[in-house]
Amino acid sequence: MIKDNEIRVAIYGAGAMGTVLGEFLTAGGLKNVDLITRNESHVNALKTKGATIVCEADKREFNSSVNALLPTEMSGQYDVIFLMTKQRYNQQILTELQPFLAKDGIICTTQNGLPEPDIAKSIGNERTYGAVMTFGATFLEAGRVALTSKIEAMRVQVGGYQNDGAKLPLLQEILSYASDVSNENFVSVTKDLEGTRWSKLAINAAFSGLSVVTGLTFGEAAKRRKTRKIALGVLRECIAVANASGIKLAKTQGHDMEKLLGGTTPFKRFIAYMVLPFAMKKHKKLVSGMLKDIQNGRKCEIDFINGVVVREGQKVGVETPLCTQIVEIVHGIENGLYEIDYKNADFF
């Protein structure tokens, strides 16, 4: 195991998801983990009261003392920086982080969408790693966040971006410290980061976008007739774009999403329609982080979720009318043209 003072780890962008990760790693016994965020009230609360994780689905609560910092309080260099900020600020943030990255240090992005190519342009392929996280969290108040997924359903898959994966054992060992708090299957290594990314992107494009458009949780969107059909249509668009790009979606928690939900014949579409609510059961209480952003008066990341599917589809000649419509409606909501309402499903 990692010895005390052997490595330094930063969670840069310690919002809801980052606070969960930081608390779980710290509670599991990992030393030298810094939770870094620009949210001053959150940092102050973490410093004085520790990080409190309210596990809504499991009716449990955790609290641990953590090391929280503002970006201006950073010093020294880190061996691993988990990048958990919004993608729209990546270039500026990567420039700011370079002095704090050790000579052989790496950045592991946990961001949604397809963030690795742009990160690699800044720091090189050999230092770029990705972590695909399958759980959800939401901010409650300073120092206190809610884990909205079941603990047993939490998963993190790590992979290297077009490199030899030399740092994957280190990443796996770091994240294994959270296993004692969450579950023994919390972390695994994937040799197919692109396929894993696209599996997560397909789910996000189908449900995060709809969550913003309608205000529904993932579970509610999977149950209601109109949104269930839209979600399945978005999933098929993502699969078509990925396949045309030479990528097969990786299995998600042992399930082949392409076979289970991506069928195009009438019979397979009916089966997918019936299966979808059960497939989303463990994450039924999730709401999109993008929805929270808009409700708090901020621009969201729709251009890096459904928007990236549209752009990748244009590259390979695959039409994506549903993703295009979601992007248009979400931008309309941001600009005050529409309200967040289930009636927006009638636009499709």
Protein backbone atom coordinates (compact mmCIF):
# COMPACT_ATOMS: atom_id res chain seq x y z
CA MET A 1 0.00 0.00 0.00
CA ILE A 2 0.98 3.65 -0.43
CA LYS A 3 3.14 4.84 2.45
CA ASP A 4 2.56 8.10 4.31
CA ASN A 5 4.06 11.10 2.50
CA GLU A 6 4.86 8.92 -0.52
CA ILE A 7 2.50 10.70 -2.93
CA ARG A 8 0.33 13.81 -3.00
CA VAL A 9 -3.16 13.77 -4.48
CA ALA A 10 -5.32 16.76 -5.42
CA ILE A 11 -9.03 16.72 -6.14
CA TYR A 12 -9.33 19.91 -8.14
CA GLY A 13 -12.94 21.03 -8.34
CA ALA A 14 -14.21 19.53 -5.10
CA GLY A 15 -17.90 20.16 -5.59
CA ALA A 16 -20.45 17.47 -4.80
CA MET A 17 -18.75 14.59 -6.64
CA GLY A 18 -15.26 15.68 -5.61
CA THR A 19 -16.27 15.99 -1.98
CA VAL A 20 -17.67 12.44 -2.01
CA LEU A 21 -14.47 11.12 -3.56
CA GLY A 22 -12.25 13.09 -1.19
CA GLU A 23 -14.17 12.04 1.91
CA PHE A 24 -14.19 8.36 0.88
CA LEU A 25 -10.45 8.35 0.13
CA THR A 26 -9.63 10.12 3.39
CA ALA A 27 -11.96 7.91 5.44
CA GLY A 28 -10.30 4.90 3.81
CA GLY A 29 -6.93 6.01 5.18
CA LEU A 30 -5.22 7.73 2.23
CA LYS A 31 -2.94 10.55 3.38
CA ASN A 32 -2.09 13.79 1.61
CA VAL A 33 -5.38 14.28 -0.21
CA ASP A 34 -6.25 17.93 -0.85
CA LEU A 35 -9.82 18.95 -1.77
CA ILE A 36 -9.53 22.15 -3.79
CA THR A 37 -12.38 24.44 -4.82
CA ARG A 38 -13.04 28.13 -5.41
CA ASN A 39 -16.15 27.91 -3.20
CA GLU A 40 -14.83 29.72 -0.13
CA SER A 41 -17.78 28.92 2.14
CA HIS A 42 -17.47 25.22 1.25
CA VAL A 43 -13.74 25.25 2.01
CA ASN A 44 -14.33 26.97 5.35
CA ALA A 45 -17.00 24.44 6.32
CA LEU A 46 -14.80 21.51 5.29
CA LYS A 47 -11.95 22.92 7.37
CA THR A 48 -14.04 23.43 10.49
CA LYS A 49 -16.64 20.64 10.37
CA GLY A 50 -15.18 18.10 7.95
CA ALA A 51 -16.95 16.63 4.92
CA THR A 52 -20.41 15.21 5.51
CA ILE A 53 -21.80 12.75 2.96
CA VAL A 54 -25.52 12.03 3.20
CA CYS A 55 -26.18 8.70 1.47
CA GLU A 56 -29.83 9.18 0.55
CA ALA A 57 -30.45 5.80 -1.05
CA ASP A 58 -28.84 3.87 1.82
CA LYS A 59 -30.06 6.03 4.72
CA ARG A 60 -26.50 6.47 6.00
CA GLU A 61 -24.25 9.42 6.75
CA PHE A 62 -20.46 9.78 6.82
CA ASN A 63 -18.25 12.54 8.16
CA SER A 64 -14.47 12.84 8.02
CA SER A 65 -11.93 15.57 8.60
CA VAL A 66 -10.44 16.52 5.24
CA ASN A 67 -7.76 18.87 3.98
CA ALA A 68 -9.56 21.59 2.01
CA LEU A 69 -7.91 24.46 0.13
CA LEU A 70 -8.71 27.39 -2.08
CA PRO A 71 -6.71 27.40 -5.33
CA THR A 72 -4.73 30.36 -3.97
CA GLU A 73 -3.64 28.18 -1.02
CA MET A 74 -2.06 25.48 -3.19
CA SER A 75 1.66 24.86 -2.82
CA GLY A 76 4.19 22.27 -3.88
CA GLN A 77 3.52 19.64 -6.52
CA TYR A 78 1.13 16.74 -6.87
CA ASP A 79 1.69 13.27 -8.25
CA VAL A 80 -1.95 12.89 -9.27
CA ILE A 81 -4.52 15.60 -9.89
CA PHE A 82 -8.12 14.46 -10.33
CA LEU A 83 -9.70 17.13 -12.54
CA MET A 84 -13.35 17.58 -11.55
CA THR A 85 -14.16 21.07 -12.82
CA LYS A 86 -16.42 22.18 -15.67
CA GLN A 87 -14.96 21.52 -19.10
CA ARG A 88 -15.62 25.01 -20.39
CA TYR A 89 -12.73 26.25 -18.20
CA ASN A 90 -10.24 23.48 -19.00
CA GLN A 91 -7.65 25.46 -20.93
CA GLN A 92 -7.36 28.17 -18.29
CA ILE A 93 -7.29 25.64 -15.45
CA LEU A 94 -4.71 23.41 -17.09
CA THR A 95 -2.42 26.41 -17.54
CA GLU A 96 -2.85 27.26 -13.85
CA LEU A 97 -2.26 23.66 -12.74
CA GLN A 98 0.95 22.98 -14.66
CA PRO A 99 3.28 24.46 -11.99
CA PHE A 100 1.62 22.21 -9.39
CA LEU A 101 2.05 18.99 -11.37
CA ALA A 102 5.12 16.92 -10.52
CA LYS A 103 7.59 16.16 -13.30
CA ASP A 104 6.20 12.67 -13.73
CA GLY A 105 2.75 13.61 -12.39
CA ILE A 106 -0.51 12.94 -14.20
CA ILE A 107 -3.93 14.49 -14.56
CA CYS A 108 -6.87 12.12 -14.37
CA THR A 109 -10.04 13.76 -15.61
CA THR A 110 -13.35 12.61 -14.18
CA GLN A 111 -15.30 14.99 -16.40
CA ASN A 112 -18.19 13.78 -18.53
CA GLY A 113 -18.21 13.72 -22.30
CA LEU A 114 -14.93 13.25 -24.18
CA PRO A 115 -12.45 15.50 -22.31
CA GLU A 116 -9.16 13.66 -22.82
CA PRO A 117 -8.19 14.92 -26.32
CA ASP A 118 -8.13 18.58 -25.26
CA ILE A 119 -6.31 17.79 -22.01
CA ALA A 120 -3.68 15.79 -23.89
CA LYS A 121 -3.04 18.80 -26.15
CA SER A 122 -1.96 20.74 -23.06
CA ILE A 123 0.05 18.17 -21.11
CA GLY A 124 0.70 15.29 -23.55
CA ASN A 125 -0.85 11.85 -24.00
CA GLU A 126 1.52 10.16 -21.57
CA ARG A 127 0.29 12.31 -18.66
CA THR A 128 -3.42 12.14 -19.53
CA TYR A 129 -5.69 9.61 -17.82
CA GLY A 130 -9.43 9.33 -17.49
CA ALA A 131 -11.79 8.08 -14.80
CA VAL A 132 -15.36 7.24 -15.68
CA MET A 133 -17.50 7.58 -12.57
CA THR A 134 -20.86 5.87 -12.29
CA PHE A 135 -22.52 7.56 -9.36
CA GLY A 136 -24.21 10.85 -8.62
CA ALA A 137 -24.03 13.52 -5.96
CA THR A 138 -25.59 16.90 -5.30
CA PHE A 139 -24.61 19.87 -3.16
CA LEU A 140 -26.74 20.43 -0.06
CA GLU A 141 -24.90 23.21 1.76
CA ALA A 142 -21.34 24.21 2.59
CA GLY A 143 -19.52 21.13 3.85
CA ARG A 144 -22.48 18.84 3.20
CA VAL A 145 -23.36 16.90 0.02
CA ALA A 146 -25.81 14.13 -0.86
CA LEU A 147 -24.79 10.89 -2.55
CA THR A 148 -27.81 10.09 -4.73
CA SER A 149 -26.70 6.65 -5.94
CA LYS A 150 -26.69 3.46 -3.91
CA ILE A 151 -23.27 2.81 -2.41
CA GLU A 152 -23.20 -0.72 -3.86
CA ALA A 153 -23.75 0.73 -7.34
CA MET A 154 -20.80 3.14 -7.22
CA ARG A 155 -18.13 2.40 -9.82
CA VAL A 156 -14.99 4.11 -11.14
CA GLN A 157 -13.13 2.84 -14.19
CA VAL A 158 -9.70 4.28 -14.96
CA GLY A 159 -7.80 4.17 -18.23
CA GLY A 160 -4.91 5.80 -20.04
CA TYR A 161 -5.42 8.07 -23.01
CA GLN A 162 -3.38 6.75 -25.95
CA ASN A 163 -0.46 5.84 -23.68
CA ASP A 164 1.05 2.71 -22.13
CA GLY A 165 -1.00 3.02 -18.95
CA ALA A 166 2.09 3.07 -16.74
CA LYS A 167 0.27 5.01 -14.01
CA LEU A 168 -2.84 2.83 -13.94
CA PRO A 169 -1.63 0.67 -11.00
CA LEU A 170 -1.06 3.85 -8.99
CA LEU A 171 -4.50 5.21 -9.85
CA GLN A 172 -6.11 1.91 -8.96
CA GLU A 173 -4.28 1.81 -5.65
CA ILE A 174 -5.26 5.38 -4.79
CA LEU A 175 -8.92 4.79 -5.56
CA SER A 176 -8.94 1.46 -3.74
CA TYR A 177 -8.80 3.42 -0.48
CA ALA A 178 -12.45 4.31 -1.11
CA SER A 179 -13.41 0.65 -1.39
CA ASP A 180 -13.62 0.16 2.39
CA VAL A 181 -16.19 2.94 2.57
CA SER A 182 -18.10 2.13 -0.62
CA ASN A 183 -17.66 -1.39 -1.98
CA GLU A 184 -14.96 -3.80 -3.08
CA ASN A 185 -15.90 -3.29 -6.74
CA PHE A 186 -15.50 0.49 -6.58
CA VAL A 187 -12.48 0.76 -8.89
CA SER A 188 -11.37 -1.18 -11.94
CA VAL A 189 -8.99 -0.64 -14.86
CA THR A 190 -10.22 -0.46 -18.43
CA LYS A 191 -8.06 -0.93 -21.49
CA ASP A 192 -10.86 0.57 -23.58
CA LEU A 193 -11.19 4.12 -22.26
CA GLU A 194 -12.92 5.35 -25.43
CA GLY A 195 -15.58 2.63 -25.29
CA THR A 196 -16.11 3.27 -21.58
CA ARG A 197 -16.34 7.01 -22.17
CA TRP A 198 -18.98 6.53 -24.86
CA SER A 199 -21.05 4.24 -22.62
CA LYS A 200 -21.17 6.94 -19.94
CA LEU A 201 -21.72 9.66 -22.55
CA ALA A 202 -24.71 7.77 -23.97
CA ILE A 203 -26.37 7.61 -20.55
CA ASN A 204 -25.60 11.26 -19.84
CA ALA A 205 -26.83 12.40 -23.24
CA ALA A 206 -30.05 10.44 -22.79
CA PHE A 207 -30.84 11.38 -19.20
CA SER A 208 -28.84 14.46 -18.14
CA GLY A 209 -30.11 16.47 -21.08
CA LEU A 210 -33.69 15.31 -20.50
CA SER A 211 -33.36 16.11 -16.81
CA VAL A 212 -32.62 19.73 -17.74
CA VAL A 213 -35.35 19.90 -20.38
CA THR A 214 -38.07 18.41 -18.15
CA GLY A 215 -36.88 18.80 -14.55
CA LEU A 216 -37.29 15.04 -14.00
CA THR A 217 -34.98 12.65 -12.17
CA PHE A 218 -33.35 9.92 -14.25
CA GLY A 219 -35.81 7.40 -12.84
CA GLU A 220 -38.83 9.55 -13.66
CA ALA A 221 -37.57 10.14 -17.22
CA ALA A 222 -37.12 6.39 -17.68
CA LYS A 223 -40.68 5.69 -16.50
CA ARG A 224 -42.75 8.28 -18.37
CA ARG A 225 -43.84 7.32 -21.88
CA LYS A 226 -42.66 10.37 -23.84
CA THR A 227 -39.29 10.80 -22.14
CA ARG A 228 -38.62 7.06 -22.18
CA LYS A 229 -38.96 7.06 -25.98
CA ILE A 230 -36.77 10.15 -26.31
CA ALA A 231 -34.08 8.66 -24.04
CA LEU A 232 -33.99 5.45 -26.06
CA GLY A 233 -33.76 7.47 -29.27
CA VAL A 234 -30.81 9.43 -27.90
CA LEU A 235 -29.11 6.20 -26.86
CA ARG A 236 -29.47 4.88 -30.41
CA GLU A 237 -28.00 8.10 -31.81
CA CYS A 238 -24.98 7.77 -29.50
CA ILE A 239 -24.45 4.14 -30.45
CA ALA A 240 -24.69 4.99 -34.16
CA VAL A 241 -22.13 7.81 -33.86
CA ALA A 242 -19.74 5.70 -31.80
CA ASN A 243 -19.98 2.73 -34.19
CA ALA A 244 -19.43 4.97 -37.21
CA SER A 245 -16.32 6.28 -35.41
CA GLY A 246 -15.01 2.73 -35.00
CA ILE A 247 -15.93 2.52 -31.30
CA LYS A 248 -18.09 -0.10 -29.59
CA LEU A 249 -19.64 0.93 -26.32
CA ALA A 250 -18.06 -0.90 -23.38
CA LYS A 251 -20.25 -2.96 -21.08
CA THR A 252 -21.81 -1.06 -18.20
CA GLN A 253 -21.87 -3.01 -14.92
CA GLY A 254 -21.66 -6.21 -16.93
CA HIS A 255 -24.44 -5.30 -19.37
CA ASP A 256 -24.04 -4.77 -23.11
CA MET A 257 -25.98 -1.54 -23.60
CA GLU A 258 -25.92 -1.85 -27.38
CA LYS A 259 -27.66 -5.23 -27.28
CA LEU A 260 -29.94 -4.38 -24.38
CA LEU A 261 -31.14 -0.92 -25.39
CA GLY A 262 -29.79 -0.14 -28.84
CA GLY A 263 -31.88 -2.44 -31.04
CA THR A 264 -33.50 -0.94 -34.13
CA THR A 265 -36.11 -3.59 -35.05
CA PRO A 266 -39.67 -3.08 -33.71
CA PHE A 267 -39.36 -6.10 -31.38
CA LYS A 268 -35.97 -5.01 -29.96
CA ARG A 269 -37.26 -1.47 -29.49
CA PHE A 270 -40.22 -2.85 -27.52
CA ILE A 271 -37.89 -4.90 -25.30
CA ALA A 272 -35.68 -1.85 -24.71
CA TYR A 273 -38.77 0.22 -23.85
CA MET A 274 -39.80 -2.32 -21.22
CA VAL A 275 -36.28 -2.79 -19.81
CA LEU A 276 -35.17 0.85 -19.48
CA PRO A 277 -36.86 1.68 -16.13
CA PHE A 278 -35.26 -1.39 -14.55
CA ALA A 279 -31.85 -0.54 -16.04
CA MET A 280 -31.99 2.89 -14.35
CA LYS A 281 -33.36 1.65 -11.01
CA LYS A 282 -30.12 2.04 -9.03
CA HIS A 283 -29.76 5.63 -10.20
CA LYS A 284 -33.44 6.60 -10.22
CA LYS A 285 -32.99 9.55 -7.84
CA LEU A 286 -30.27 11.21 -9.89
CA VAL A 287 -30.85 14.65 -11.32
CA SER A 288 -28.53 16.28 -13.78
CA GLY A 289 -25.77 18.48 -12.44
CA MET A 290 -26.56 20.67 -15.44
CA LEU A 291 -30.07 21.18 -14.05
CA LYS A 292 -28.56 22.40 -10.78
CA ASP A 293 -26.28 24.76 -12.70
CA ILE A 294 -29.19 26.38 -14.53
CA GLN A 295 -31.30 26.59 -11.38
CA ASN A 296 -28.38 28.43 -9.77
CA GLY A 297 -28.13 30.88 -12.66
CA ARG A 298 -25.06 29.32 -14.31
CA LYS A 299 -24.44 28.12 -17.85
CA CYS A 300 -24.38 24.33 -18.07
CA GLU A 301 -22.24 21.85 -20.00
CA ILE A 302 -24.77 20.70 -22.58
CA ASP A 303 -22.27 21.47 -25.38
CA PHE A 304 -19.92 18.88 -23.87
CA ILE A 305 -22.62 16.21 -23.48
CA ASN A 306 -25.30 16.14 -26.20
CA GLY A 307 -23.35 18.78 -28.09
CA VAL A 308 -20.28 16.59 -28.46
CA VAL A 309 -22.47 13.78 -29.83
CA VAL A 310 -23.75 16.21 -32.46
CA ARG A 311 -20.22 17.32 -33.40
CA GLU A 312 -18.85 13.78 -33.54
CA GLY A 313 -21.86 12.75 -35.61
CA GLN A 314 -21.13 15.50 -38.13
CA LYS A 315 -17.58 14.17 -38.49
CA VAL A 316 -18.79 10.70 -39.50
CA GLY A 317 -21.97 11.66 -41.34
CA VAL A 318 -24.48 10.44 -38.74
CA GLU A 319 -27.52 12.60 -38.10
CA THR A 320 -28.43 13.30 -34.46
CA PRO A 321 -31.76 15.16 -34.49
CA LEU A 322 -32.71 14.32 -30.89
CA CYS A 323 -29.38 15.43 -29.42
CA THR A 324 -29.54 18.55 -31.57
CA GLN A 325 -33.01 19.34 -30.24
CA ILE A 326 -31.94 18.83 -26.64
CA VAL A 327 -29.02 21.22 -27.09
CA GLU A 328 -31.32 23.82 -28.64
CA ILE A 329 -33.92 23.58 -25.86
CA VAL A 330 -31.33 23.68 -23.07
CA HIS A 331 -29.74 26.80 -24.54
CA GLY A 332 -33.23 28.24 -24.82
CA ILE A 333 -33.79 27.56 -21.12
CA GLU A 334 -30.45 29.18 -20.29
CA ASN A 335 -31.47 32.28 -22.23
CA GLY A 336 -34.95 32.52 -20.73
CA LEU A 337 -36.83 31.41 -23.87
CA TYR A 338 -38.24 28.26 -22.25
CA GLU A 339 -38.94 27.08 -18.74
CA ILE A 340 -37.87 23.74 -17.29
CA ASP A 341 -41.05 21.72 -17.74
CA TYR A 342 -42.18 18.22 -18.70
CA LYS A 343 -44.23 19.82 -21.48
CA ASN A 344 -40.96 20.44 -23.33
CA ALA A 345 -41.08 16.75 -24.28
CA ASP A 346 -43.74 17.78 -26.80
CA PHE A 347 -41.03 19.52 -28.86
CA PHE A 348 -39.67 16.13 -29.96
